[in-house]
Amino acid sequence: MSKPVIVMPDAVAVVTSYLRSALASRGSAVPVVSRVPPTRPPSFVRVERVGGLRATPVTDRARLDVQCWAPTEAAAHDLAALARALLDDLPGVRDGVTVYRVSEASSPMWLPDELTSTPRFAFAVEADMRGRAL
């Protein structure tokens, strides 16, 4: 009998969906996206996969950058601080995907947008998610 084929989840989709809902429930209904929109809203969050590895045969450890833009440095900082705190509650079942843990890989840092100089803070996390057998 052959081993089952394990397909890893789309970690960016899981995290963007979760953050969109979690931010909205805290009164910060900002767009949470995987790509910078062509027409940029005043505030938004981008989640980008920048690496990771297969931690076990059935677990993906995705390394994700979370970038938070806002009109002022203080607002960008506050948005990043809130997103960072909310990701502590990500473990559980999210959109049918089991998230085992989230750990911080880099704390929020000042990173103004290189094209527009818009205030931005960024941080990185690693999220362990269970794959599914085909």
N, C-alpha and C. Protein backbone atom coordinates (compact mmCIF):
# COMPACT_ATOMS: atom_id res chain seq x y z
N MET A 1 0.84 -1.18 0.00
CA MET A 1 0.00 0.00 0.00
C MET A 1 0.89 1.24 0.00
N SER A 2 0.57 2.20 -0.84
CA SER A 2 1.38 3.41 -0.93
C SER A 2 0.99 4.40 0.18
N LYS A 3 1.94 5.28 0.48
CA LYS A 3 1.69 6.32 1.48
C LYS A 3 0.67 7.31 0.92
N PRO A 4 -0.16 7.90 1.78
CA PRO A 4 -1.08 8.93 1.29
C PRO A 4 -0.31 10.17 0.84
N VAL A 5 -0.86 10.85 -0.12
CA VAL A 5 -0.30 12.12 -0.56
C VAL A 5 -0.86 13.20 0.36
N ILE A 6 0.04 13.99 0.96
CA ILE A 6 -0.37 15.04 1.89
C ILE A 6 -0.20 16.39 1.20
N VAL A 7 -1.29 17.14 1.12
CA VAL A 7 -1.28 18.47 0.52
C VAL A 7 -1.33 19.50 1.64
N MET A 8 -0.39 20.41 1.63
CA MET A 8 -0.32 21.43 2.67
C MET A 8 -1.29 22.56 2.36
N PRO A 9 -1.82 23.20 3.40
CA PRO A 9 -2.79 24.28 3.20
C PRO A 9 -2.13 25.55 2.68
N ASP A 10 -2.96 26.44 2.16
CA ASP A 10 -2.51 27.77 1.73
C ASP A 10 -2.47 28.64 2.99
N ALA A 11 -1.30 28.74 3.58
CA ALA A 11 -1.15 29.45 4.86
C ALA A 11 -1.54 30.92 4.73
N VAL A 12 -1.23 31.53 3.61
CA VAL A 12 -1.58 32.94 3.42
C VAL A 12 -3.10 33.11 3.43
N ALA A 13 -3.81 32.22 2.74
CA ALA A 13 -5.28 32.31 2.72
C ALA A 13 -5.86 32.12 4.12
N VAL A 14 -5.33 31.18 4.87
CA VAL A 14 -5.82 30.93 6.24
C VAL A 14 -5.60 32.17 7.11
N VAL A 15 -4.41 32.74 7.05
CA VAL A 15 -4.09 33.88 7.92
C VAL A 15 -4.82 35.14 7.48
N THR A 16 -4.91 35.40 6.18
CA THR A 16 -5.63 36.61 5.75
C THR A 16 -7.11 36.53 6.14
N SER A 17 -7.72 35.38 5.96
CA SER A 17 -9.12 35.22 6.34
C SER A 17 -9.31 35.45 7.84
N TYR A 18 -8.45 34.83 8.63
CA TYR A 18 -8.54 34.98 10.08
C TYR A 18 -8.33 36.44 10.50
N LEU A 19 -7.27 37.07 10.01
CA LEU A 19 -6.98 38.45 10.42
C LEU A 19 -8.08 39.41 9.98
N ARG A 20 -8.61 39.22 8.78
CA ARG A 20 -9.69 40.08 8.29
C ARG A 20 -10.85 40.07 9.29
N SER A 21 -11.26 38.88 9.68
CA SER A 21 -12.37 38.72 10.62
C SER A 21 -12.01 39.23 12.01
N ALA A 22 -10.83 38.87 12.50
CA ALA A 22 -10.42 39.25 13.85
C ALA A 22 -10.26 40.76 13.98
N LEU A 23 -9.67 41.40 12.98
CA LEU A 23 -9.52 42.86 13.01
C LEU A 23 -10.89 43.54 12.97
N ALA A 24 -11.77 43.06 12.10
CA ALA A 24 -13.11 43.65 12.00
C ALA A 24 -13.86 43.53 13.32
N SER A 25 -13.71 42.40 14.00
CA SER A 25 -14.41 42.21 15.27
C SER A 25 -13.87 43.13 16.36
N ARG A 26 -12.70 43.72 16.14
CA ARG A 26 -12.11 44.66 17.10
C ARG A 26 -12.27 46.10 16.62
N GLY A 27 -13.10 46.31 15.60
CA GLY A 27 -13.36 47.66 15.10
C GLY A 27 -12.34 48.17 14.11
N SER A 28 -11.47 47.32 13.61
CA SER A 28 -10.46 47.71 12.61
C SER A 28 -10.72 46.95 11.32
N ALA A 29 -11.77 47.32 10.63
CA ALA A 29 -12.15 46.62 9.40
C ALA A 29 -11.30 47.14 8.24
N VAL A 30 -10.02 46.80 8.25
CA VAL A 30 -9.12 47.20 7.17
C VAL A 30 -8.97 46.03 6.21
N PRO A 31 -8.67 46.30 4.95
CA PRO A 31 -8.41 45.20 4.02
C PRO A 31 -7.20 44.38 4.48
N VAL A 32 -7.32 43.07 4.38
CA VAL A 32 -6.20 42.15 4.65
C VAL A 32 -6.01 41.36 3.37
N VAL A 33 -4.86 41.52 2.74
CA VAL A 33 -4.64 41.04 1.38
C VAL A 33 -3.33 40.27 1.28
N SER A 34 -3.17 39.59 0.14
CA SER A 34 -1.90 38.91 -0.12
C SER A 34 -1.03 39.69 -1.10
N ARG A 35 -1.61 40.66 -1.76
CA ARG A 35 -0.86 41.52 -2.70
C ARG A 35 -1.24 42.98 -2.44
N VAL A 36 -0.29 43.87 -2.63
CA VAL A 36 -0.57 45.29 -2.46
C VAL A 36 -1.57 45.71 -3.53
N PRO A 37 -2.70 46.30 -3.13
CA PRO A 37 -3.71 46.70 -4.12
C PRO A 37 -3.19 47.82 -5.03
N PRO A 38 -3.59 47.82 -6.31
CA PRO A 38 -3.14 48.89 -7.22
C PRO A 38 -3.57 50.27 -6.72
N THR A 39 -4.78 50.36 -6.20
CA THR A 39 -5.25 51.59 -5.55
C THR A 39 -5.20 51.31 -4.06
N ARG A 40 -4.26 51.92 -3.40
CA ARG A 40 -4.02 51.60 -1.99
C ARG A 40 -5.03 52.30 -1.08
N PRO A 41 -5.66 51.53 -0.20
CA PRO A 41 -6.50 52.17 0.82
C PRO A 41 -5.60 52.86 1.85
N PRO A 42 -6.16 53.75 2.67
CA PRO A 42 -5.32 54.45 3.65
C PRO A 42 -4.61 53.50 4.62
N SER A 43 -5.30 52.44 5.02
CA SER A 43 -4.72 51.44 5.92
C SER A 43 -5.01 50.06 5.36
N PHE A 44 -4.04 49.18 5.44
CA PHE A 44 -4.27 47.79 5.04
C PHE A 44 -3.16 46.91 5.58
N VAL A 45 -3.43 45.60 5.55
CA VAL A 45 -2.47 44.59 6.02
C VAL A 45 -2.20 43.65 4.86
N ARG A 46 -0.94 43.33 4.67
CA ARG A 46 -0.55 42.35 3.65
C ARG A 46 0.13 41.17 4.34
N VAL A 47 -0.29 39.97 3.98
CA VAL A 47 0.35 38.74 4.48
C VAL A 47 1.03 38.08 3.29
N GLU A 48 2.32 37.79 3.44
CA GLU A 48 3.10 37.22 2.35
C GLU A 48 3.91 36.04 2.88
N ARG A 49 3.85 34.93 2.18
CA ARG A 49 4.69 33.79 2.56
C ARG A 49 6.10 34.05 2.04
N VAL A 50 7.07 33.95 2.94
CA VAL A 50 8.46 34.21 2.56
C VAL A 50 9.34 32.99 2.76
N GLY A 51 8.74 31.86 3.08
CA GLY A 51 9.52 30.65 3.26
C GLY A 51 8.83 29.69 4.20
N GLY A 52 9.63 28.85 4.80
CA GLY A 52 9.11 27.84 5.71
C GLY A 52 9.66 26.48 5.34
N LEU A 53 9.06 25.45 5.95
CA LEU A 53 9.51 24.09 5.68
C LEU A 53 8.45 23.11 6.12
N ARG A 54 8.61 21.88 5.67
CA ARG A 54 7.75 20.79 6.12
C ARG A 54 8.31 20.33 7.46
N ALA A 55 7.61 20.64 8.54
CA ALA A 55 8.10 20.32 9.88
C ALA A 55 7.99 18.83 10.19
N THR A 56 6.93 18.20 9.71
CA THR A 56 6.73 16.76 9.84
C THR A 56 6.10 16.31 8.53
N PRO A 57 5.92 15.02 8.31
CA PRO A 57 5.28 14.59 7.06
C PRO A 57 3.89 15.18 6.84
N VAL A 58 3.23 15.61 7.92
CA VAL A 58 1.87 16.16 7.75
C VAL A 58 1.74 17.60 8.23
N THR A 59 2.85 18.25 8.57
CA THR A 59 2.79 19.62 9.11
C THR A 59 3.67 20.56 8.31
N ASP A 60 3.07 21.67 7.89
CA ASP A 60 3.80 22.72 7.19
C ASP A 60 4.09 23.84 8.19
N ARG A 61 5.31 24.32 8.22
CA ARG A 61 5.67 25.48 9.04
C ARG A 61 5.92 26.64 8.08
N ALA A 62 4.90 27.46 7.91
CA ALA A 62 4.98 28.59 6.98
C ALA A 62 5.58 29.80 7.68
N ARG A 63 6.56 30.43 7.04
CA ARG A 63 7.08 31.70 7.55
C ARG A 63 6.37 32.80 6.77
N LEU A 64 5.73 33.69 7.52
CA LEU A 64 4.89 34.72 6.92
C LEU A 64 5.33 36.10 7.37
N ASP A 65 5.43 37.03 6.41
CA ASP A 65 5.62 38.44 6.73
C ASP A 65 4.25 39.08 6.82
N VAL A 66 4.05 39.87 7.85
CA VAL A 66 2.81 40.63 8.02
C VAL A 66 3.21 42.10 7.99
N GLN A 67 2.71 42.82 6.98
CA GLN A 67 3.07 44.22 6.78
C GLN A 67 1.82 45.07 6.96
N CYS A 68 1.94 46.14 7.74
CA CYS A 68 0.79 46.97 8.09
C CYS A 68 1.05 48.42 7.69
N TRP A 69 0.26 48.92 6.74
CA TRP A 69 0.35 50.29 6.27
C TRP A 69 -0.75 51.12 6.93
N ALA A 70 -0.46 52.40 7.17
CA ALA A 70 -1.46 53.33 7.70
C ALA A 70 -0.99 54.76 7.41
N PRO A 71 -1.88 55.74 7.57
CA PRO A 71 -1.52 57.12 7.22
C PRO A 71 -0.42 57.73 8.09
N THR A 72 -0.28 57.27 9.33
CA THR A 72 0.75 57.82 10.21
C THR A 72 1.59 56.69 10.80
N GLU A 73 2.77 57.05 11.27
CA GLU A 73 3.63 56.05 11.89
C GLU A 73 2.95 55.42 13.10
N ALA A 74 2.29 56.25 13.90
CA ALA A 74 1.61 55.73 15.10
C ALA A 74 0.49 54.77 14.72
N ALA A 75 -0.28 55.11 13.70
CA ALA A 75 -1.39 54.24 13.28
C ALA A 75 -0.86 52.93 12.70
N ALA A 76 0.23 52.99 11.94
CA ALA A 76 0.82 51.77 11.38
C ALA A 76 1.35 50.89 12.51
N HIS A 77 1.97 51.50 13.50
CA HIS A 77 2.45 50.75 14.66
C HIS A 77 1.30 50.07 15.38
N ASP A 78 0.23 50.83 15.63
CA ASP A 78 -0.91 50.28 16.36
C ASP A 78 -1.58 49.14 15.60
N LEU A 79 -1.67 49.26 14.28
CA LEU A 79 -2.26 48.20 13.47
C LEU A 79 -1.38 46.94 13.54
N ALA A 80 -0.07 47.12 13.46
CA ALA A 80 0.85 45.97 13.56
C ALA A 80 0.77 45.34 14.95
N ALA A 81 0.69 46.16 15.98
CA ALA A 81 0.61 45.63 17.35
C ALA A 81 -0.67 44.82 17.53
N LEU A 82 -1.78 45.31 16.97
CA LEU A 82 -3.04 44.58 17.08
C LEU A 82 -2.99 43.27 16.29
N ALA A 83 -2.50 43.33 15.06
CA ALA A 83 -2.40 42.11 14.24
C ALA A 83 -1.50 41.08 14.93
N ARG A 84 -0.41 41.55 15.48
CA ARG A 84 0.53 40.66 16.20
C ARG A 84 -0.17 39.97 17.37
N ALA A 85 -0.91 40.74 18.15
CA ALA A 85 -1.62 40.17 19.31
C ALA A 85 -2.70 39.19 18.87
N LEU A 86 -3.42 39.53 17.81
CA LEU A 86 -4.50 38.65 17.34
C LEU A 86 -3.97 37.32 16.83
N LEU A 87 -2.77 37.31 16.26
CA LEU A 87 -2.22 36.06 15.74
C LEU A 87 -1.90 35.06 16.85
N ASP A 88 -1.80 35.54 18.08
CA ASP A 88 -1.63 34.61 19.20
C ASP A 88 -2.82 33.67 19.34
N ASP A 89 -3.99 34.13 18.88
CA ASP A 89 -5.22 33.32 18.98
C ASP A 89 -5.50 32.50 17.72
N LEU A 90 -4.60 32.49 16.76
CA LEU A 90 -4.82 31.74 15.52
C LEU A 90 -4.91 30.23 15.73
N PRO A 91 -4.11 29.61 16.61
CA PRO A 91 -4.21 28.15 16.74
C PRO A 91 -5.64 27.68 17.00
N GLY A 92 -5.95 26.55 16.35
CA GLY A 92 -7.30 25.99 16.38
C GLY A 92 -7.64 25.56 14.97
N VAL A 93 -8.90 25.37 14.70
CA VAL A 93 -9.34 25.02 13.35
C VAL A 93 -9.84 26.29 12.69
N ARG A 94 -9.21 26.68 11.59
CA ARG A 94 -9.53 27.90 10.86
C ARG A 94 -9.82 27.55 9.41
N ASP A 95 -11.04 27.81 8.98
CA ASP A 95 -11.45 27.49 7.61
C ASP A 95 -11.14 26.04 7.26
N GLY A 96 -11.35 25.15 8.22
CA GLY A 96 -11.13 23.73 8.00
C GLY A 96 -9.69 23.27 8.11
N VAL A 97 -8.79 24.18 8.44
CA VAL A 97 -7.36 23.86 8.56
C VAL A 97 -6.98 23.89 10.04
N THR A 98 -6.29 22.84 10.50
CA THR A 98 -5.81 22.83 11.87
C THR A 98 -4.50 23.60 11.95
N VAL A 99 -4.50 24.64 12.79
CA VAL A 99 -3.30 25.43 13.05
C VAL A 99 -2.83 25.03 14.44
N TYR A 100 -1.63 24.45 14.51
CA TYR A 100 -1.10 23.97 15.78
C TYR A 100 -0.50 25.07 16.64
N ARG A 101 0.29 25.93 16.01
CA ARG A 101 0.94 26.98 16.80
C ARG A 101 1.38 28.12 15.89
N VAL A 102 1.57 29.27 16.51
CA VAL A 102 2.15 30.43 15.84
C VAL A 102 3.27 30.93 16.74
N SER A 103 4.43 31.15 16.15
CA SER A 103 5.55 31.70 16.92
C SER A 103 6.13 32.89 16.17
N GLU A 104 6.59 33.84 16.93
CA GLU A 104 7.14 35.05 16.33
C GLU A 104 8.55 34.80 15.81
N ALA A 105 8.80 35.22 14.58
CA ALA A 105 10.13 35.10 13.99
C ALA A 105 10.85 36.45 14.00
N SER A 106 10.08 37.54 14.03
CA SER A 106 10.64 38.88 14.08
C SER A 106 9.58 39.82 14.63
N SER A 107 9.96 40.63 15.59
CA SER A 107 9.00 41.58 16.16
C SER A 107 8.78 42.74 15.20
N PRO A 108 7.72 43.54 15.43
CA PRO A 108 7.44 44.65 14.51
C PRO A 108 8.62 45.62 14.37
N MET A 109 8.87 46.00 13.13
CA MET A 109 9.94 46.95 12.84
C MET A 109 9.42 48.01 11.88
N TRP A 110 9.95 49.18 12.01
CA TRP A 110 9.62 50.31 11.14
C TRP A 110 10.18 50.04 9.76
N LEU A 111 9.32 50.09 8.74
CA LEU A 111 9.74 49.75 7.39
C LEU A 111 8.92 50.59 6.40
N PRO A 112 9.19 51.90 6.29
CA PRO A 112 8.39 52.73 5.40
C PRO A 112 8.39 52.17 3.98
N ASP A 113 7.25 52.31 3.32
CA ASP A 113 7.10 51.80 1.96
C ASP A 113 8.15 52.44 1.05
N GLU A 114 8.88 51.62 0.33
CA GLU A 114 9.98 52.13 -0.51
C GLU A 114 9.50 52.92 -1.72
N LEU A 115 8.26 52.69 -2.17
CA LEU A 115 7.75 53.41 -3.34
C LEU A 115 7.03 54.70 -2.97
N THR A 116 6.31 54.68 -1.87
CA THR A 116 5.45 55.82 -1.53
C THR A 116 5.84 56.52 -0.23
N SER A 117 6.74 55.95 0.52
CA SER A 117 7.12 56.43 1.86
C SER A 117 5.97 56.38 2.85
N THR A 118 4.91 55.66 2.51
CA THR A 118 3.79 55.49 3.44
C THR A 118 4.27 54.76 4.68
N PRO A 119 3.84 55.21 5.86
CA PRO A 119 4.24 54.51 7.08
C PRO A 119 3.84 53.04 7.06
N ARG A 120 4.78 52.19 7.46
CA ARG A 120 4.53 50.75 7.47
C ARG A 120 5.38 50.12 8.57
N PHE A 121 4.78 49.17 9.27
CA PHE A 121 5.49 48.30 10.19
C PHE A 121 5.34 46.88 9.69
N ALA A 122 6.35 46.05 9.94
CA ALA A 122 6.30 44.66 9.49
C ALA A 122 6.85 43.75 10.58
N PHE A 123 6.30 42.56 10.64
CA PHE A 123 6.81 41.53 11.55
C PHE A 123 6.65 40.19 10.86
N ALA A 124 7.27 39.16 11.42
CA ALA A 124 7.21 37.83 10.81
C ALA A 124 6.80 36.80 11.86
N VAL A 125 6.05 35.82 11.39
CA VAL A 125 5.64 34.70 12.25
C VAL A 125 5.87 33.40 11.50
N GLU A 126 5.91 32.33 12.26
CA GLU A 126 5.88 30.98 11.69
C GLU A 126 4.61 30.32 12.21
N ALA A 127 3.86 29.71 11.30
CA ALA A 127 2.60 29.06 11.66
C ALA A 127 2.66 27.60 11.23
N ASP A 128 2.43 26.71 12.18
CA ASP A 128 2.40 25.27 11.91
C ASP A 128 0.97 24.85 11.60
N MET A 129 0.77 24.31 10.39
CA MET A 129 -0.56 23.92 9.94
C MET A 129 -0.54 22.49 9.42
N ARG A 130 -1.61 21.78 9.69
CA ARG A 130 -1.71 20.38 9.27
C ARG A 130 -2.17 20.30 7.82
N GLY A 131 -1.49 19.43 7.06
CA GLY A 131 -1.91 19.15 5.70
C GLY A 131 -3.08 18.17 5.69
N ARG A 132 -3.59 17.91 4.50
CA ARG A 132 -4.69 16.95 4.38
C ARG A 132 -4.30 15.86 3.39
N ALA A 133 -4.77 14.67 3.68
CA ALA A 133 -4.48 13.53 2.80
C ALA A 133 -5.43 13.55 1.62
N LEU A 134 -4.90 13.26 0.45
CA LEU A 134 -5.75 13.16 -0.75
C LEU A 134 -6.30 11.76 -0.86
